[in-house]
Structures are given as structure tokens and as C-alpha cells.
Protein backbone atom coordinates (compact mmCIF):
# COMPACT_ATOMS: atom_id res chain seq x y z
CA MET A 1 0.00 0.00 0.00
CA THR A 2 1.38 3.39 -0.93
CA ILE A 3 0.31 6.47 0.99
CA ILE A 4 -0.34 9.46 -1.27
CA SER A 5 -0.32 12.83 0.47
CA PRO A 6 -2.27 15.79 -0.92
CA PRO A 7 -1.96 16.84 -3.67
CA TYR A 8 -1.34 13.23 -4.78
CA ARG A 9 2.40 13.02 -4.32
CA ARG A 10 4.12 9.68 -4.08
CA GLY A 11 4.41 8.69 -0.45
CA ILE A 12 5.99 5.94 1.57
CA THR A 13 5.25 2.28 0.96
CA ILE A 14 4.29 0.69 4.29
CA LEU A 15 3.52 -2.95 4.86
CA LEU A 16 0.22 -3.46 6.65
CA ALA A 17 1.94 -5.74 9.14
CA ILE A 18 4.05 -2.86 10.47
CA LEU A 19 1.52 -0.06 10.06
CA PRO A 20 0.47 -0.11 13.75
CA LEU A 21 4.04 0.74 14.77
CA PHE A 22 3.75 4.13 13.05
CA VAL A 23 0.18 5.11 13.88
CA VAL A 24 -0.58 6.78 17.20
CA GLU A 25 -4.29 5.99 17.00
CA PRO A 26 -5.43 2.86 15.12
CA GLY A 27 -6.92 3.55 11.73
CA PHE A 28 -6.30 5.50 8.55
CA ASP A 29 -5.20 9.11 8.40
CA GLU A 30 -8.03 10.92 6.61
CA GLN A 31 -5.63 13.58 5.27
CA TYR A 32 -4.00 11.05 2.92
CA TYR A 33 -4.99 9.11 -0.17
CA TYR A 34 -3.90 5.48 -0.46
CA ARG A 35 -2.99 3.31 -3.44
CA LEU A 36 -4.28 -0.22 -2.88
CA THR A 37 -2.33 -3.16 -4.28
CA ASN A 38 -2.28 -6.86 -3.44
CA SER A 39 0.46 -9.44 -2.99
CA PHE A 40 -0.64 -11.53 -6.01
CA LEU A 41 -0.31 -8.74 -8.61
CA GLY A 42 2.24 -6.67 -6.69
CA ASN A 43 2.77 -2.92 -7.14
CA ALA A 44 2.25 -3.17 -10.91
CA TYR A 45 -1.56 -3.12 -10.45
CA SER A 46 -3.74 -0.95 -8.20
CA LEU A 47 -7.42 -0.80 -7.30
CA ASP A 48 -9.04 1.60 -9.79
CA SER A 49 -12.53 2.63 -10.84
CA THR A 50 -14.09 4.09 -13.95
CA CYS A 51 -16.61 6.92 -14.01
CA ASP A 52 -18.74 5.34 -16.74
CA LYS A 53 -19.41 1.91 -15.22
CA LEU A 54 -18.71 2.58 -11.52
CA VAL A 55 -16.99 -0.81 -11.33
CA PRO A 56 -13.79 -1.18 -9.29
CA LEU A 57 -11.04 -3.21 -10.95
CA MET A 58 -7.34 -3.93 -10.72
CA ALA A 59 -5.62 -1.80 -13.39
CA LYS A 60 -1.99 -1.08 -14.24
CA SER A 61 -0.66 1.33 -11.64
CA SER A 62 -0.62 4.87 -12.98
CA ASN A 63 -1.33 8.43 -11.93
CA SER A 64 -5.06 7.85 -12.50
CA ALA A 65 -7.42 9.66 -10.11
CA GLY A 66 -9.37 6.41 -9.72
CA GLN A 67 -6.35 4.84 -8.00
CA TYR A 68 -6.19 7.31 -5.10
CA TRP A 69 -8.46 6.07 -2.31
CA LYS A 70 -9.52 7.88 0.83
CA PHE A 71 -10.74 6.20 4.01
CA THR A 72 -13.26 8.37 5.86
CA ARG A 73 -14.49 7.42 9.31
CA ALA A 74 -18.19 6.56 9.25
CA GLY A 75 -19.41 5.35 12.62
CA GLY A 76 -17.09 2.57 13.79
CA CYS A 77 -15.93 1.76 10.25
CA TYR A 78 -14.42 3.49 7.23
CA ARG A 79 -16.01 4.55 3.94
CA MET A 80 -13.81 4.09 0.84
CA SER A 81 -14.03 6.72 -1.88
CA ASN A 82 -11.58 7.86 -4.52
CA VAL A 83 -10.45 11.09 -6.16
CA LEU A 84 -12.08 10.28 -9.51
CA LEU A 85 -15.64 9.91 -8.19
CA GLY A 86 -15.26 12.07 -5.09
CA PRO A 87 -16.96 11.64 -1.70
CA GLY A 88 -20.37 11.22 -3.37
CA TYR A 89 -19.60 7.57 -4.21
CA ALA A 90 -18.28 4.81 -1.96
CA LEU A 91 -17.40 1.14 -2.25
CA PRO A 92 -19.98 -0.93 -0.32
CA THR A 93 -19.10 -4.28 1.22
CA GLY A 94 -20.79 -7.52 0.32
CA SER A 95 -21.90 -6.41 -3.14
CA HIS A 96 -21.35 -8.98 -5.88
CA PRO A 97 -20.21 -7.89 -8.34
CA PRO A 98 -18.61 -4.93 -6.54
CA PHE A 99 -19.65 -1.42 -7.62
CA MET A 100 -19.32 2.18 -6.51
CA ALA A 101 -22.61 3.20 -4.91
CA ILE A 102 -23.94 6.64 -4.05
CA ALA A 103 -22.56 7.40 -0.59
CA GLY A 104 -25.10 7.33 2.17
CA ASN A 105 -25.83 6.14 5.66
CA ALA A 106 -25.67 2.45 4.72
CA SER A 107 -24.04 -0.14 6.96
CA GLY A 108 -22.04 -1.58 4.02
CA GLN A 109 -20.21 1.68 3.41
């Protein structure tokens, strides 16, 4: 996972296993945007979304606004949105296939 600080500069790559060592309070810093990758595809691919289909997908890592994700505290959880779609859309949990839904007071967001 790469932390991207406003305005979308490359940040520091931090392994999730050691993240708690650097965070005073558990959770995500809402001032930063994050690039999400996985161990299978590595840093070459990042979670992205498109504005026409609202479908998240793993795409080649680039400077695309759909690849900068923000975690915003919503109750006891976090809502995931990205720069491309803004805070008006969020990724709900448990939706198959996954999609970017209009942000609201839903338990899955």
C-alpha cells in the first residue's frame, strides 16, 4: 500500500503488518490518499474505478485519479471513496459484483 499525500504526491510504501508501529491511533489518516495493491499482482496493479461503469477493478498502476483512495471514518468503520468519483460515491461491502454506490448512511459503506 502506498500512501499518497495531498496533492497526490508519491508517499511511503508501508507494509500493513508494520503499520500499527507508526500510527498513534489505530486507523487510517483521513488527510491522505492510499494506493491499494495486493500481494498476487504486486505494485504493478492498483485498485481503480471508472466513471462510466462505476466498477472497481485492478488496473496497471498509474497516476489515474481512480487509484487514489480515501478512508473516511463513518461510525465505527471506514467509507472508501476515490479522487475520480469524489466523496459522493463509496465502495460498499458484500456487493457482488462490486460497484461504486452513491454514498449514504448504509451499513455496508
